[in-house]
N, C-alpha and C. Protein backbone atom coordinates (compact mmCIF):
# COMPACT_ATOMS: atom_id res chain seq x y z
N UNK A 1 0.84 -1.23 -0.02
CA UNK A 1 0.03 -0.03 0.00
C UNK A 1 0.88 1.23 -0.02
N UNK A 2 0.49 2.24 -0.74
CA UNK A 2 1.25 3.51 -0.87
C UNK A 2 1.11 4.31 0.40
N UNK A 3 2.14 4.76 0.94
CA UNK A 3 2.17 5.58 2.19
C UNK A 3 1.65 6.99 1.89
N UNK A 4 1.10 7.67 2.92
CA UNK A 4 0.61 9.06 2.72
C UNK A 4 1.65 9.99 2.20
N UNK A 5 2.85 9.84 2.67
CA UNK A 5 3.97 10.82 2.23
C UNK A 5 4.34 10.64 0.74
N UNK A 6 4.25 9.36 0.28
CA UNK A 6 4.43 9.08 -1.06
C UNK A 6 3.45 9.76 -1.94
N UNK A 7 2.24 9.74 -1.57
CA UNK A 7 1.11 10.36 -2.32
C UNK A 7 1.28 11.86 -2.34
N UNK A 8 1.73 12.42 -1.24
CA UNK A 8 1.89 13.89 -1.16
C UNK A 8 3.05 14.29 -2.06
N UNK A 9 4.16 13.56 -2.12
CA UNK A 9 5.21 13.85 -2.98
C UNK A 9 4.81 13.82 -4.48
N UNK A 10 4.02 12.80 -4.80
CA UNK A 10 3.60 12.61 -6.16
C UNK A 10 2.71 13.77 -6.63
N UNK A 11 1.74 14.11 -5.79
CA UNK A 11 0.79 15.21 -6.02
C UNK A 11 1.56 16.52 -6.20
N UNK A 12 2.30 16.88 -5.20
CA UNK A 12 3.01 18.20 -5.27
C UNK A 12 4.09 18.19 -6.31
N UNK A 13 4.71 17.03 -6.52
CA UNK A 13 5.69 16.98 -7.63
C UNK A 13 5.08 17.24 -8.94
N UNK A 14 3.87 16.74 -9.20
CA UNK A 14 3.17 16.96 -10.48
C UNK A 14 2.77 18.41 -10.58
N UNK A 15 2.39 19.04 -9.54
CA UNK A 15 1.93 20.43 -9.64
C UNK A 15 3.20 21.30 -9.89
N UNK A 16 4.31 21.09 -9.22
CA UNK A 16 5.50 21.89 -9.49
C UNK A 16 6.02 21.57 -10.89
N UNK A 17 5.96 20.39 -11.33
CA UNK A 17 6.38 20.06 -12.81
C UNK A 17 5.46 20.78 -13.72
N UNK A 18 4.20 20.92 -13.52
CA UNK A 18 3.33 21.66 -14.36
C UNK A 18 3.72 23.18 -14.35
N UNK A 19 4.04 23.66 -13.22
CA UNK A 19 4.53 25.06 -13.07
C UNK A 19 5.77 25.32 -13.88
N UNK A 20 6.68 24.36 -13.88
CA UNK A 20 7.83 24.42 -14.61
C UNK A 20 7.60 24.44 -16.16
N UNK A 21 6.67 23.59 -16.57
CA UNK A 21 6.32 23.53 -17.94
C UNK A 21 5.68 24.78 -18.38
N UNK A 22 4.85 25.39 -17.49
CA UNK A 22 4.19 26.72 -17.86
C UNK A 22 5.16 27.76 -18.07
N UNK A 23 6.29 27.65 -17.37
CA UNK A 23 7.38 28.74 -17.51
C UNK A 23 8.17 28.60 -18.87
N UNK A 24 7.86 27.50 -19.61
CA UNK A 24 8.50 27.39 -20.92
C UNK A 24 7.93 28.32 -21.97
N UNK A 25 6.60 28.69 -21.83
CA UNK A 25 6.01 29.64 -22.75
C UNK A 25 6.60 31.00 -22.71
N UNK A 26 6.74 31.62 -21.48
CA UNK A 26 7.43 32.92 -21.44
C UNK A 26 8.90 32.85 -21.86
N UNK A 27 9.55 31.72 -21.58
CA UNK A 27 10.94 31.56 -22.02
C UNK A 27 11.03 31.61 -23.57
N UNK A 28 10.18 30.86 -24.18
CA UNK A 28 10.09 30.87 -25.66
C UNK A 28 9.77 32.19 -26.23
N UNK A 29 8.76 32.91 -25.60
CA UNK A 29 8.45 34.26 -26.04
C UNK A 29 9.61 35.20 -25.92
N UNK A 30 10.27 35.06 -24.79
CA UNK A 30 11.45 36.02 -24.61
C UNK A 30 12.53 35.72 -25.65
N UNK A 31 12.74 34.43 -26.01
CA UNK A 31 13.70 34.18 -27.07
C UNK A 31 13.29 34.68 -28.39
N UNK A 32 12.03 34.46 -28.73
CA UNK A 32 11.57 34.84 -30.05
C UNK A 32 11.49 36.39 -30.17
N UNK A 33 11.24 37.16 -29.14
CA UNK A 33 11.23 38.57 -29.17
C UNK A 33 12.68 39.15 -29.01
N UNK A 34 13.63 38.21 -28.92
CA UNK A 34 14.98 38.75 -28.72
C UNK A 34 15.13 39.67 -27.50
N UNK A 35 14.43 39.28 -26.44
CA UNK A 35 14.63 40.05 -25.18
C UNK A 35 16.05 40.02 -24.72
N UNK A 36 16.30 40.74 -23.67
CA UNK A 36 17.68 40.81 -23.09
C UNK A 36 18.06 39.47 -22.60
N UNK A 37 19.40 39.32 -22.61
CA UNK A 37 19.93 37.98 -22.07
C UNK A 37 19.50 37.79 -20.61
N UNK A 38 19.35 38.87 -19.93
CA UNK A 38 18.97 38.76 -18.50
C UNK A 38 17.56 38.26 -18.39
N UNK A 39 16.64 38.74 -19.21
CA UNK A 39 15.18 38.27 -19.19
C UNK A 39 15.20 36.81 -19.54
N UNK A 40 15.91 36.49 -20.69
CA UNK A 40 15.89 35.09 -21.17
C UNK A 40 16.54 34.13 -20.02
N UNK A 41 17.56 34.60 -19.40
CA UNK A 41 18.21 33.78 -18.33
C UNK A 41 17.19 33.60 -17.20
N UNK A 42 16.52 34.64 -16.76
CA UNK A 42 15.51 34.53 -15.68
C UNK A 42 14.44 33.51 -15.97
N UNK A 43 13.86 33.53 -17.28
CA UNK A 43 12.89 32.53 -17.60
C UNK A 43 13.45 31.11 -17.73
N UNK A 44 14.70 31.07 -18.17
CA UNK A 44 15.39 29.69 -18.26
C UNK A 44 15.58 29.13 -16.87
N UNK A 45 16.02 29.96 -15.95
CA UNK A 45 16.20 29.52 -14.61
C UNK A 45 14.89 28.98 -14.00
N UNK A 46 13.81 29.82 -14.20
CA UNK A 46 12.47 29.39 -13.67
C UNK A 46 12.05 28.10 -14.32
N UNK A 47 12.11 27.98 -15.61
CA UNK A 47 11.64 26.75 -16.30
C UNK A 47 12.39 25.57 -15.87
N UNK A 48 13.74 25.52 -16.03
CA UNK A 48 14.56 24.48 -15.73
C UNK A 48 14.49 24.10 -14.24
N UNK A 49 14.60 25.08 -13.37
CA UNK A 49 14.57 24.79 -11.91
C UNK A 49 13.37 24.20 -11.40
N UNK A 50 12.25 24.66 -11.88
CA UNK A 50 10.91 24.09 -11.47
C UNK A 50 10.71 22.72 -12.01
N UNK A 51 11.13 22.48 -13.25
CA UNK A 51 11.08 21.10 -13.83
C UNK A 51 11.92 20.15 -12.91
N UNK A 52 13.15 20.60 -12.57
CA UNK A 52 14.00 19.74 -11.72
C UNK A 52 13.37 19.56 -10.35
N UNK A 53 12.74 20.63 -9.82
CA UNK A 53 12.11 20.52 -8.55
C UNK A 53 11.01 19.52 -8.48
N UNK A 54 10.14 19.52 -9.55
CA UNK A 54 9.03 18.61 -9.68
C UNK A 54 9.54 17.20 -9.82
N UNK A 55 10.58 17.00 -10.68
CA UNK A 55 11.12 15.71 -10.84
C UNK A 55 11.84 15.15 -9.55
N UNK A 56 12.42 16.09 -8.79
CA UNK A 56 13.05 15.70 -7.54
C UNK A 56 11.95 15.15 -6.58
N UNK A 57 10.83 15.78 -6.48
CA UNK A 57 9.65 15.34 -5.65
C UNK A 57 9.24 13.95 -6.10
N UNK A 58 9.06 13.82 -7.43
CA UNK A 58 8.63 12.47 -7.99
C UNK A 58 9.70 11.41 -7.73
N UNK A 59 10.93 11.75 -7.84
CA UNK A 59 12.01 10.78 -7.60
C UNK A 59 12.05 10.32 -6.18
N UNK A 60 11.95 11.32 -5.26
CA UNK A 60 11.92 10.93 -3.82
C UNK A 60 10.63 10.09 -3.59
N UNK A 61 9.54 10.34 -4.16
CA UNK A 61 8.34 9.53 -4.01
C UNK A 61 8.61 8.09 -4.42
N UNK A 62 9.40 7.91 -5.48
CA UNK A 62 9.69 6.59 -6.04
C UNK A 62 10.61 5.74 -5.12
N UNK A 63 11.31 6.34 -4.22
CA UNK A 63 12.21 5.61 -3.24
C UNK A 63 11.72 5.79 -1.82
N UNK A 64 10.69 6.55 -1.56
CA UNK A 64 10.36 6.88 -0.16
C UNK A 64 10.14 5.65 0.70
N UNK A 65 9.44 4.61 0.12
CA UNK A 65 9.07 3.49 0.92
C UNK A 65 10.36 2.69 1.23
N UNK A 66 11.43 2.95 0.65
CA UNK A 66 12.66 2.13 0.99
C UNK A 66 13.44 2.78 2.17
N UNK A 67 13.13 4.08 2.39
CA UNK A 67 13.80 4.76 3.54
C UNK A 67 13.34 4.26 4.84
N UNK A 68 14.16 4.36 5.81
CA UNK A 68 13.84 4.02 7.21
C UNK A 68 13.83 5.24 7.97
N UNK A 69 12.53 5.70 8.17
CA UNK A 69 12.28 6.97 8.85
C UNK A 69 11.11 6.78 9.83
N UNK A 70 11.25 7.55 10.93
CA UNK A 70 10.19 7.57 11.94
C UNK A 70 9.09 8.49 11.30
N UNK A 71 7.92 8.49 12.02
CA UNK A 71 6.82 9.36 11.50
C UNK A 71 7.19 10.80 11.50
N UNK A 72 7.88 11.22 12.48
CA UNK A 72 8.36 12.69 12.51
C UNK A 72 9.32 12.93 11.30
N UNK A 73 10.22 12.02 11.11
CA UNK A 73 11.18 12.15 10.05
C UNK A 73 10.49 12.15 8.66
N UNK A 74 9.43 11.39 8.54
CA UNK A 74 8.67 11.38 7.27
C UNK A 74 8.16 12.73 7.03
N UNK A 75 7.55 13.39 8.02
CA UNK A 75 7.06 14.75 7.86
C UNK A 75 8.20 15.67 7.53
N UNK A 76 9.39 15.48 8.08
CA UNK A 76 10.55 16.36 7.91
C UNK A 76 11.18 16.10 6.52
N UNK A 77 10.81 15.01 5.98
CA UNK A 77 11.19 14.70 4.54
C UNK A 77 10.32 15.45 3.59
N UNK A 78 8.97 15.27 3.78
CA UNK A 78 8.02 15.71 2.80
C UNK A 78 7.84 17.17 2.83
N UNK A 79 7.46 17.80 4.01
CA UNK A 79 7.05 19.22 4.02
C UNK A 79 8.10 20.16 3.70
N UNK A 80 9.27 20.06 4.14
CA UNK A 80 10.34 21.00 3.74
C UNK A 80 10.54 20.94 2.22
N UNK A 81 10.60 19.79 1.62
CA UNK A 81 10.71 19.68 0.22
C UNK A 81 9.48 20.33 -0.53
N UNK A 82 8.35 20.00 -0.08
CA UNK A 82 7.19 20.58 -0.75
C UNK A 82 7.12 22.16 -0.62
N UNK A 83 7.35 22.67 0.62
CA UNK A 83 7.40 24.08 0.81
C UNK A 83 8.45 24.76 0.02
N UNK A 84 9.62 24.13 -0.01
CA UNK A 84 10.73 24.72 -0.83
C UNK A 84 10.38 24.78 -2.35
N UNK A 85 9.66 23.72 -2.80
CA UNK A 85 9.31 23.71 -4.22
C UNK A 85 8.29 24.73 -4.54
N UNK A 86 7.27 24.87 -3.62
CA UNK A 86 6.27 25.99 -3.93
C UNK A 86 6.86 27.34 -3.74
N UNK A 87 7.78 27.49 -2.81
CA UNK A 87 8.46 28.76 -2.65
C UNK A 87 9.16 29.17 -3.97
N UNK A 88 9.86 28.28 -4.55
CA UNK A 88 10.53 28.56 -5.84
C UNK A 88 9.50 28.65 -7.00
N UNK A 89 8.43 27.93 -6.84
CA UNK A 89 7.45 28.04 -7.93
C UNK A 89 6.80 29.47 -7.95
N UNK A 90 6.78 30.15 -6.81
CA UNK A 90 6.30 31.54 -6.74
C UNK A 90 7.36 32.51 -7.06
N UNK A 91 8.50 32.46 -6.51
CA UNK A 91 9.48 33.50 -6.62
C UNK A 91 10.28 33.39 -7.93
N UNK A 92 10.52 32.29 -8.51
CA UNK A 92 11.35 32.20 -9.75
C UNK A 92 10.61 32.86 -10.88
N UNK A 93 9.35 32.64 -11.15
CA UNK A 93 8.61 33.36 -12.18
C UNK A 93 8.53 34.88 -11.92
N UNK A 94 8.35 35.21 -10.62
CA UNK A 94 8.38 36.68 -10.28
C UNK A 94 9.66 37.33 -10.58
N UNK A 95 10.78 36.58 -10.26
CA UNK A 95 12.07 37.12 -10.50
C UNK A 95 12.32 37.32 -12.03
N UNK A 96 11.91 36.34 -12.79
CA UNK A 96 12.04 36.46 -14.30
C UNK A 96 11.26 37.50 -14.86
N UNK A 97 10.02 37.67 -14.44
CA UNK A 97 9.09 38.62 -14.99
C UNK A 97 9.55 40.05 -14.70
N UNK A 98 9.98 40.32 -13.41
CA UNK A 98 10.26 41.59 -12.95
C UNK A 98 11.84 41.97 -13.06
N UNK A 99 12.58 40.94 -13.32
CA UNK A 99 14.03 41.20 -13.54
C UNK A 99 14.87 41.32 -12.21
N UNK A 100 14.34 40.70 -11.21
CA UNK A 100 15.16 40.69 -9.92
C UNK A 100 15.66 39.33 -9.77
N UNK A 101 16.77 39.20 -8.98
CA UNK A 101 17.34 37.89 -8.83
C UNK A 101 17.13 37.42 -7.35
N UNK A 102 17.00 38.35 -6.40
CA UNK A 102 16.75 37.99 -4.98
C UNK A 102 17.97 37.24 -4.35
N UNK A 103 19.11 37.58 -4.78
CA UNK A 103 20.33 36.87 -4.20
C UNK A 103 20.88 37.58 -2.95
N UNK A 104 20.37 38.81 -2.78
CA UNK A 104 20.67 39.56 -1.50
C UNK A 104 19.37 40.23 -1.02
N UNK A 105 19.25 40.65 0.21
CA UNK A 105 18.02 41.34 0.67
C UNK A 105 18.02 42.83 0.33
N UNK A 106 18.58 43.25 -0.73
CA UNK A 106 18.64 44.65 -1.03
C UNK A 106 17.34 45.08 -1.62
N UNK A 107 17.04 46.42 -1.59
CA UNK A 107 15.83 47.05 -2.15
C UNK A 107 15.96 46.80 -3.66
N UNK A 108 14.82 46.81 -4.36
CA UNK A 108 13.42 47.19 -3.94
C UNK A 108 12.79 46.05 -3.15
N UNK A 109 11.57 46.39 -2.67
CA UNK A 109 10.86 45.47 -1.84
C UNK A 109 10.65 44.08 -2.52
N UNK A 110 10.29 44.12 -3.83
CA UNK A 110 10.00 42.88 -4.51
C UNK A 110 11.28 41.99 -4.62
N UNK A 111 12.43 42.59 -4.63
CA UNK A 111 13.74 41.79 -4.58
C UNK A 111 13.88 41.18 -3.23
N UNK A 112 13.45 41.84 -2.23
CA UNK A 112 13.49 41.27 -0.87
C UNK A 112 12.52 40.04 -0.73
N UNK A 113 11.31 40.20 -1.30
CA UNK A 113 10.35 39.09 -1.29
C UNK A 113 10.94 37.85 -2.00
N UNK A 114 11.63 38.12 -3.15
CA UNK A 114 12.21 37.02 -3.87
C UNK A 114 13.33 36.41 -3.03
N UNK A 115 14.16 37.25 -2.48
CA UNK A 115 15.22 36.83 -1.59
C UNK A 115 14.67 35.84 -0.47
N UNK A 116 13.62 36.25 0.18
CA UNK A 116 12.98 35.46 1.26
C UNK A 116 12.50 34.07 0.64
N UNK A 117 11.94 34.17 -0.51
CA UNK A 117 11.49 32.92 -1.14
C UNK A 117 12.64 31.99 -1.50
N UNK A 118 13.69 32.58 -2.00
CA UNK A 118 14.93 31.80 -2.32
C UNK A 118 15.47 31.18 -1.06
N UNK A 119 15.50 31.92 0.00
CA UNK A 119 16.07 31.50 1.24
C UNK A 119 15.21 30.37 1.80
N UNK A 120 13.91 30.55 1.83
CA UNK A 120 13.02 29.39 2.31
C UNK A 120 13.18 28.15 1.38
N UNK A 121 13.27 28.43 0.07
CA UNK A 121 13.51 27.22 -0.81
C UNK A 121 14.76 26.51 -0.52
N UNK A 122 15.83 27.29 -0.40
CA UNK A 122 17.12 26.67 -0.14
C UNK A 122 17.11 25.94 1.21
N UNK A 123 16.57 26.52 2.22
CA UNK A 123 16.60 25.84 3.58
C UNK A 123 15.75 24.61 3.53
N UNK A 124 14.59 24.67 2.86
CA UNK A 124 13.77 23.51 2.77
C UNK A 124 14.42 22.31 2.05
N UNK A 125 15.06 22.68 0.95
CA UNK A 125 15.80 21.60 0.22
C UNK A 125 16.94 21.01 1.03
N UNK A 126 17.65 21.80 1.84
CA UNK A 126 18.69 21.32 2.64
C UNK A 126 18.14 20.36 3.76
N UNK A 127 17.08 20.79 4.44
CA UNK A 127 16.47 20.01 5.50
C UNK A 127 16.00 18.65 4.87
N UNK A 128 15.23 18.70 3.81
CA UNK A 128 14.66 17.55 3.12
C UNK A 128 15.78 16.61 2.66
N UNK A 129 16.80 17.15 2.14
CA UNK A 129 17.93 16.28 1.66
C UNK A 129 18.70 15.72 2.72
N UNK A 130 18.84 16.32 3.91
CA UNK A 130 19.48 15.76 5.06
C UNK A 130 18.67 14.55 5.58
N UNK A 131 17.30 14.76 5.65
CA UNK A 131 16.43 13.67 6.10
C UNK A 131 16.49 12.55 5.10
N UNK A 132 16.50 12.85 3.84
CA UNK A 132 16.59 11.80 2.84
C UNK A 132 17.92 11.02 3.04
N UNK A 133 18.96 11.63 3.27
CA UNK A 133 20.28 11.01 3.54
C UNK A 133 20.19 10.10 4.73
N UNK A 134 19.57 10.65 5.81
CA UNK A 134 19.38 9.90 7.10
C UNK A 134 18.57 8.67 6.82
N UNK A 135 17.49 8.79 6.04
CA UNK A 135 16.67 7.60 5.76
C UNK A 135 17.33 6.56 4.90
N UNK A 136 18.18 7.11 3.93
CA UNK A 136 18.84 6.23 3.05
C UNK A 136 19.94 5.45 3.90
N UNK A 137 20.58 6.11 4.74
CA UNK A 137 21.64 5.44 5.63
C UNK A 137 20.90 4.38 6.47
N UNK A 138 19.76 4.76 7.08
CA UNK A 138 19.08 3.78 7.89
C UNK A 138 18.59 2.61 7.18
N UNK A 139 18.32 2.73 5.79
CA UNK A 139 17.87 1.62 5.01
C UNK A 139 19.01 0.63 4.68
N UNK A 140 20.27 1.02 4.97
CA UNK A 140 21.41 0.13 4.76
C UNK A 140 21.47 -1.05 5.72
N UNK A 141 20.89 -0.85 6.92
CA UNK A 141 20.96 -1.87 8.00
C UNK A 141 20.21 -3.17 7.53
C-alpha cells in the first residue's frame, strides 16, 4: 500500500512540474522577441529549476518506501521539500518577470520578497535532503 507521504510527494511534484512546464511559454516568447539575455536567463532558470524540482519530488516519491524513517522524520522529509518547491514556484517566475534575482536582501521590496522565497526554498531543500540522507543510511541496515 502506498504511504501518505508518497502520495503527497507525487501530487505536489506533479503540480511543481506543471508550473515548470508553464514557464516554458514565457521563455520561448522571450527568445523569439530577442529580449535581453537577463530576461531570457531569468525565464530559463524558472523553467529548468521548477522542472527539476518537480522531478526531484517524484524521484523521492519513488524511493520513499525504501527509506527507514520515523513518523516525524517522514514529515521532515516531505514538508520542507514541498514548501521549498512551492516557494521557488512563486518567486522564480516573479524574478524572471520583474528582472530581480533575489540573491541579497537589497531594495526594492520585490527583490526582498524574492530573496526570502529563495532562502526558504534553499533551507527546505537542505532539510529535506538531510532527512533523505538519514533515511537512506538507515535503510542500509
